[in-house]
Protein backbone atom coordinates (compact mmCIF):
# COMPACT_ATOMS: atom_id res chain seq x y z
CA MET A 1 -0.27 -13.48 25.60
CA SER A 2 1.75 -10.44 24.57
CA ILE A 3 0.47 -8.39 21.65
CA VAL A 4 2.72 -7.92 18.59
CA THR A 5 2.04 -4.86 16.44
CA LEU A 6 2.21 -5.33 12.67
CA ARG A 7 2.03 -2.92 9.74
CA ALA A 8 -0.95 -3.59 7.50
CA SER A 9 1.17 -2.89 4.43
CA GLY A 10 3.66 -5.57 5.42
CA LEU A 11 1.40 -8.60 5.77
CA SER A 12 2.36 -10.04 2.39
CA GLU A 13 6.02 -10.01 3.40
CA TRP A 14 5.40 -12.84 5.89
CA PHE A 15 4.47 -15.14 3.02
CA ASP A 16 7.31 -14.05 0.75
CA CYS A 17 10.09 -14.32 3.34
CA ALA A 18 9.34 -14.65 7.04
CA ALA A 19 12.99 -14.07 7.96
CA ARG A 20 12.96 -10.70 6.24
CA ALA A 21 9.58 -9.86 7.77
CA GLU A 22 10.86 -10.65 11.25
CA ALA A 23 13.94 -8.48 10.74
CA LYS A 24 11.95 -5.49 9.50
CA GLN A 25 8.72 -5.71 11.44
CA LEU A 26 9.74 -7.26 14.75
CA LEU A 27 13.40 -6.29 15.09
CA GLY A 28 13.14 -2.83 13.52
CA LYS A 29 15.92 -3.32 10.95
CA ARG A 30 15.74 -1.15 7.85
CA THR A 31 17.13 -0.74 4.37
CA PRO A 32 17.19 2.60 2.52
CA THR A 33 14.02 3.44 0.60
CA SER A 34 14.23 2.55 -3.10
CA GLY A 35 13.45 4.88 -5.97
CA LYS A 36 10.25 2.95 -6.73
CA ALA A 37 9.08 3.24 -3.15
CA LEU A 38 9.95 6.94 -3.08
CA LEU A 39 7.94 7.50 -6.26
CA GLY A 40 4.97 5.63 -4.81
CA SER A 41 5.12 7.66 -1.61
CA ALA A 42 5.28 10.90 -3.59
CA LEU A 43 2.17 9.97 -5.59
CA HIS A 44 0.30 9.05 -2.43
CA LYS A 45 1.09 12.43 -0.91
CA SER A 46 0.21 14.63 -3.88
CA THR A 47 -3.00 12.83 -4.79
CA ALA A 48 -4.07 12.93 -1.13
CA VAL A 49 -3.53 16.70 -1.04
CA TYR A 50 -5.71 17.10 -4.12
CA ASP A 51 -8.47 14.71 -3.01
CA ARG A 52 -8.63 16.25 0.45
CA SER A 53 -8.89 19.69 -1.12
CA VAL A 54 -11.82 18.60 -3.29
CA MET A 55 -13.53 16.92 -0.35
CA ASP A 56 -13.10 19.95 1.94
CA GLY A 57 -13.67 22.58 -0.77
CA GLN A 58 -10.22 24.16 -0.32
CA GLY A 59 -9.77 24.79 -4.03
CA ILE A 60 -6.17 23.58 -4.37
CA THR A 61 -5.39 23.11 -8.05
CA ILE A 62 -3.91 19.99 -9.63
CA ASP A 63 -0.61 21.74 -10.24
CA GLU A 64 -0.45 23.12 -6.71
CA ALA A 65 -1.10 19.68 -5.23
CA ALA A 66 1.67 18.22 -7.42
CA GLY A 67 4.11 20.22 -5.30
CA ALA A 68 3.69 17.63 -2.54
CA ALA A 69 5.13 14.97 -4.86
CA VAL A 70 8.06 17.20 -5.78
CA ASP A 71 8.83 17.88 -2.12
CA ALA A 72 8.60 14.18 -1.25
CA ILE A 73 11.16 13.31 -3.92
CA HIS A 74 13.64 16.11 -3.29
CA LYS A 75 13.21 16.33 0.50
CA PRO A 76 12.63 12.72 1.60
CA SER A 77 11.97 12.06 5.28
CA GLU A 78 14.06 8.88 5.28
CA ASP A 79 17.26 7.53 3.82
CA VAL A 80 16.98 6.86 0.07
CA ARG A 81 19.22 4.81 -2.21
CA LEU A 82 18.59 5.35 -5.92
CA ASP A 83 19.81 2.96 -8.59
CA ASP A 84 22.44 4.21 -11.02
CA ASP A 85 19.81 4.78 -13.71
CA GLU A 86 17.47 6.69 -11.38
CA LYS A 87 17.61 10.45 -11.00
CA PRO A 88 15.40 12.63 -8.77
CA GLU A 89 14.48 14.78 -11.76
CA GLU A 90 13.26 11.74 -13.67
CA LEU A 91 11.21 10.52 -10.71
CA GLU A 92 9.72 13.99 -10.41
CA SER A 93 8.70 13.98 -14.07
CA ILE A 94 6.98 10.61 -13.72
CA ALA A 95 5.26 11.63 -10.49
CA ILE A 96 3.87 14.85 -11.92
CA ALA A 97 2.60 13.12 -15.05
CA LEU A 98 0.83 10.36 -13.11
CA HIS A 99 -0.49 12.82 -10.54
CA LYS A 100 -2.16 14.81 -13.33
CA LEU A 101 -3.56 11.65 -14.93
CA TYR A 102 -5.02 10.57 -11.61
CA CYS A 103 -6.53 13.99 -10.89
CA THR A 104 -8.14 14.27 -14.33
CA LYS A 105 -9.18 10.67 -14.99
CA ILE A 106 -9.79 8.98 -11.62
CA ALA A 107 -10.58 11.68 -9.05
CA PRO A 108 -13.57 13.17 -10.92
CA THR A 109 -15.25 9.74 -11.00
CA GLN A 110 -15.01 9.26 -7.23
CA GLU A 111 -16.73 10.73 -4.18
CA TYR A 112 -14.54 10.34 -1.14
CA ALA A 113 -15.77 10.32 2.43
CA ALA A 114 -12.25 10.21 3.88
CA VAL A 115 -8.67 10.52 2.65
CA GLU A 116 -5.58 8.93 4.25
CA VAL A 117 -7.41 7.39 7.20
CA ALA A 118 -4.83 6.47 9.84
CA CYS A 119 -5.57 3.73 12.37
CA GLU A 120 -3.05 3.70 15.19
CA ARG A 121 -4.03 0.33 16.61
CA LEU A 122 -6.55 -2.43 16.01
CA GLU A 123 -6.04 -5.26 18.49
CA ILE A 124 -7.02 -8.84 17.72
CA THR A 125 -6.38 -10.23 21.16
CA ASP A 126 -7.20 -13.88 20.48
CA LEU A 127 -4.44 -13.96 17.86
CA GLY A 128 -1.96 -11.90 19.88
CA ILE A 129 -1.51 -9.25 17.18
CA ALA A 130 -2.43 -5.63 16.61
CA LEU A 131 -2.64 -3.93 13.21
CA GLN A 132 -1.77 -0.38 12.30
CA GLY A 133 -1.80 1.44 8.99
CA THR A 134 -3.38 4.06 6.78
CA THR A 135 -6.21 3.42 4.33
CA ASP A 136 -5.76 5.52 1.21
CA ARG A 137 -9.41 6.37 0.55
CA VAL A 138 -12.92 5.65 1.77
CA ARG A 139 -15.36 5.96 -1.14
CA ARG A 140 -19.03 6.76 -1.13
CA VAL A 141 -20.79 4.31 -3.42
CA ALA A 142 -24.43 3.63 -4.17
CA ASN A 143 -25.17 1.39 -1.21
CA GLY A 144 -22.68 2.62 1.39
CA HIS A 145 -18.91 2.89 1.68
CA GLY A 146 -15.93 0.98 0.30
CA ILE A 147 -12.19 1.57 0.26
CA ALA A 148 -9.76 2.39 -2.53
CA ASP A 149 -6.11 1.35 -2.31
CA LEU A 150 -3.56 3.13 -4.52
CA LYS A 151 -0.94 0.86 -6.09
CA SER A 152 1.89 2.19 -8.23
CA GLY A 153 4.53 0.29 -10.16
CA GLY A 154 5.84 -0.88 -13.50
CA SER A 155 3.08 -3.47 -13.90
CA ALA A 156 0.19 -1.72 -12.12
CA VAL A 157 -1.95 -1.20 -15.24
CA ARG A 158 -1.81 -3.29 -18.43
CA ALA A 159 -1.98 -1.71 -21.87
CA ASP A 160 -5.65 -2.71 -22.11
CA GLY A 161 -6.39 -0.79 -18.91
CA HIS A 162 -6.71 -3.88 -16.69
CA VAL A 163 -5.63 -3.47 -13.05
CA GLU A 164 -4.46 -6.73 -11.55
CA THR A 165 -6.21 -7.62 -8.27
CA LYS A 166 -4.93 -11.18 -7.87
CA GLY A 167 -3.25 -11.58 -4.49
CA HIS A 168 -4.45 -8.21 -3.20
CA ALA A 169 -7.71 -9.32 -1.60
CA TYR A 170 -6.44 -9.73 1.94
CA GLN A 171 -4.59 -6.40 1.74
CA VAL A 172 -7.88 -4.75 0.83
CA GLY A 173 -9.54 -6.70 3.64
CA VAL A 174 -7.16 -5.41 6.30
CA TYR A 175 -7.58 -1.82 5.12
CA GLU A 176 -11.34 -2.26 5.32
CA LEU A 177 -11.00 -3.22 8.99
CA LEU A 178 -8.64 -0.33 9.73
CA ALA A 179 -10.78 2.22 7.91
CA GLU A 180 -13.89 1.10 9.76
CA LYS A 181 -12.10 1.36 13.10
CA ALA A 182 -10.55 4.77 12.42
CA SER A 183 -13.37 6.53 10.55
CA GLY A 184 -16.38 5.05 12.31
CA LEU A 185 -17.97 4.44 8.90
CA PRO A 186 -19.33 0.96 8.13
CA ILE A 187 -17.36 -0.45 5.20
CA THR A 188 -19.93 -2.68 3.54
CA GLU A 189 -19.11 -2.39 -0.16
CA PRO A 190 -16.32 -4.08 -2.18
CA GLY A 191 -12.98 -2.33 -2.35
CA VAL A 192 -11.08 -1.32 -5.48
CA ILE A 193 -7.49 -0.71 -6.46
CA VAL A 194 -6.36 2.46 -8.19
CA GLY A 195 -3.48 1.46 -10.45
CA LEU A 196 -0.76 3.94 -11.43
CA GLN A 197 1.65 2.68 -14.08
CA THR A 198 5.04 4.29 -13.41
CA ALA A 199 6.62 4.08 -16.86
CA LYS A 200 9.33 6.51 -17.98
CA THR A 201 7.54 7.45 -21.20
CA GLU A 202 4.21 9.18 -21.65
CA LYS A 203 2.95 6.28 -23.75
CA GLY A 204 3.50 3.82 -20.92
CA GLN A 205 2.07 5.98 -18.14
CA ARG A 206 -1.45 4.89 -17.29
CA VAL A 207 -4.00 5.11 -14.49
CA ALA A 208 -7.07 2.92 -14.08
CA LEU A 209 -9.57 1.62 -11.56
CA SER A 210 -9.91 -2.10 -10.90
CA GLY A 211 -13.14 -4.00 -10.73
CA PRO A 212 -14.70 -4.63 -7.32
CA ILE A 213 -12.80 -6.90 -4.94
CA VAL A 214 -15.46 -9.05 -3.32
CA GLY A 215 -14.97 -11.15 -0.18
CA ALA A 216 -11.71 -9.49 0.89
CA ARG A 217 -12.32 -9.96 4.59
CA GLU A 218 -13.08 -13.66 4.18
CA VAL A 219 -9.56 -14.19 2.83
CA LEU A 220 -8.15 -12.16 5.71
CA LEU A 221 -10.19 -13.67 8.53
CA GLY A 222 -10.74 -17.18 7.17
CA GLU A 223 -13.42 -19.70 8.01
CA PRO A 224 -13.84 -21.99 11.05
CA ASP A 225 -12.19 -24.88 9.19
CA SER A 226 -9.79 -22.80 7.09
CA PRO A 227 -7.38 -20.32 8.73
CA GLY A 228 -7.21 -16.87 7.14
CA VAL A 229 -4.18 -14.68 6.53
CA LEU A 230 -4.18 -13.12 10.00
CA GLU A 231 -4.32 -16.43 11.84
CA THR A 232 -1.57 -17.87 9.64
CA VAL A 233 0.73 -14.90 10.25
CA ALA A 234 -0.04 -14.97 13.97
CA LYS A 235 0.96 -18.65 14.15
CA LEU A 236 4.27 -17.91 12.43
CA ILE A 237 5.03 -15.18 14.93
CA ASN A 238 3.79 -16.94 18.06
CA ASN A 239 5.68 -20.12 17.14
CA GLY A 240 8.83 -18.23 16.17
CA VAL A 241 8.90 -19.81 12.71
CA PHE A 242 10.83 -17.38 10.51
CA ALA A 243 12.13 -19.36 7.56
CA GLY A 244 13.95 -17.48 4.82
CA ASN A 245 13.22 -17.64 1.10
CA PRO A 246 16.37 -17.29 -1.00
CA LYS A 247 14.25 -17.47 -4.16
CA SER A 248 12.32 -14.35 -3.26
CA MET A 249 12.62 -11.55 -5.83
CA LEU A 250 13.48 -9.26 -2.91
CA CYS A 251 16.31 -11.45 -1.62
CA SER A 252 19.12 -8.92 -2.01
CA LYS A 253 21.02 -6.27 -0.08
CA LYS A 254 18.80 -3.62 -1.64
CA TYR A 255 15.61 -4.91 -0.05
CA CYS A 256 16.65 -7.04 2.93
CA PRO A 257 18.44 -5.65 6.02
CA ILE A 258 19.84 -9.08 7.00
CA TYR A 259 21.12 -10.12 3.56
CA PRO A 260 22.98 -12.42 3.19
CA CYS A 261 21.40 -14.56 5.90
CA LYS A 262 21.88 -18.26 6.65
CA TRP A 263 19.04 -19.17 4.28
CA VAL A 264 20.91 -17.79 1.25
CA LYS A 265 23.72 -20.35 1.45
């Protein structure tokens, strides 16, 4: 059986639209990065610079670390297509504001053992797949280590401070596996999500930590009589079943490199 390599961050795409997932993850087709994705990438980079500095004792200030977000927005490493109402300067303003909120409200409450832990390859030979990806953070908690996954977006944090975790369990589960493989640290504690609300106004910009996500790997790996996410995705790929979903919210030229496909008709 040949081994197919999948991005950990793209697992959910197989359930939303397998045709789009095949095009992007197996055939290498791409669409330009959106403004939202660019903003998220910028926040990942700047917060990682700051957290790594704290962990290593480098002494980089919050404002200095914010420069990584500015560079990511104005000097992107890939093709970017902004909407008509999106401007780099506006994205920069949002990124800097949320970066500062994260560094003052979230970072001081955490003790990180590792930042941006990259796993080049984790093979699951019996399923015929290999996973690769980067875990945002490995946290030290009372009884061991757990992971933290940064999520940004317009609905990341509600006004009451709640961070939605529904549907994210298996994503946390896969990052737990990757972090354990890459760092050598046993990941035994529940993961959390760090939510960053990317609103245009200061009032709407929020950061918060979710509650613990328990049993993430069970959803990912499944039970003997109930296939998990990985086995389900592997069956889609190995059987060549790549049905499209024209009702997907991402079914458009902006997000899909094969739009319009035969499933749209």
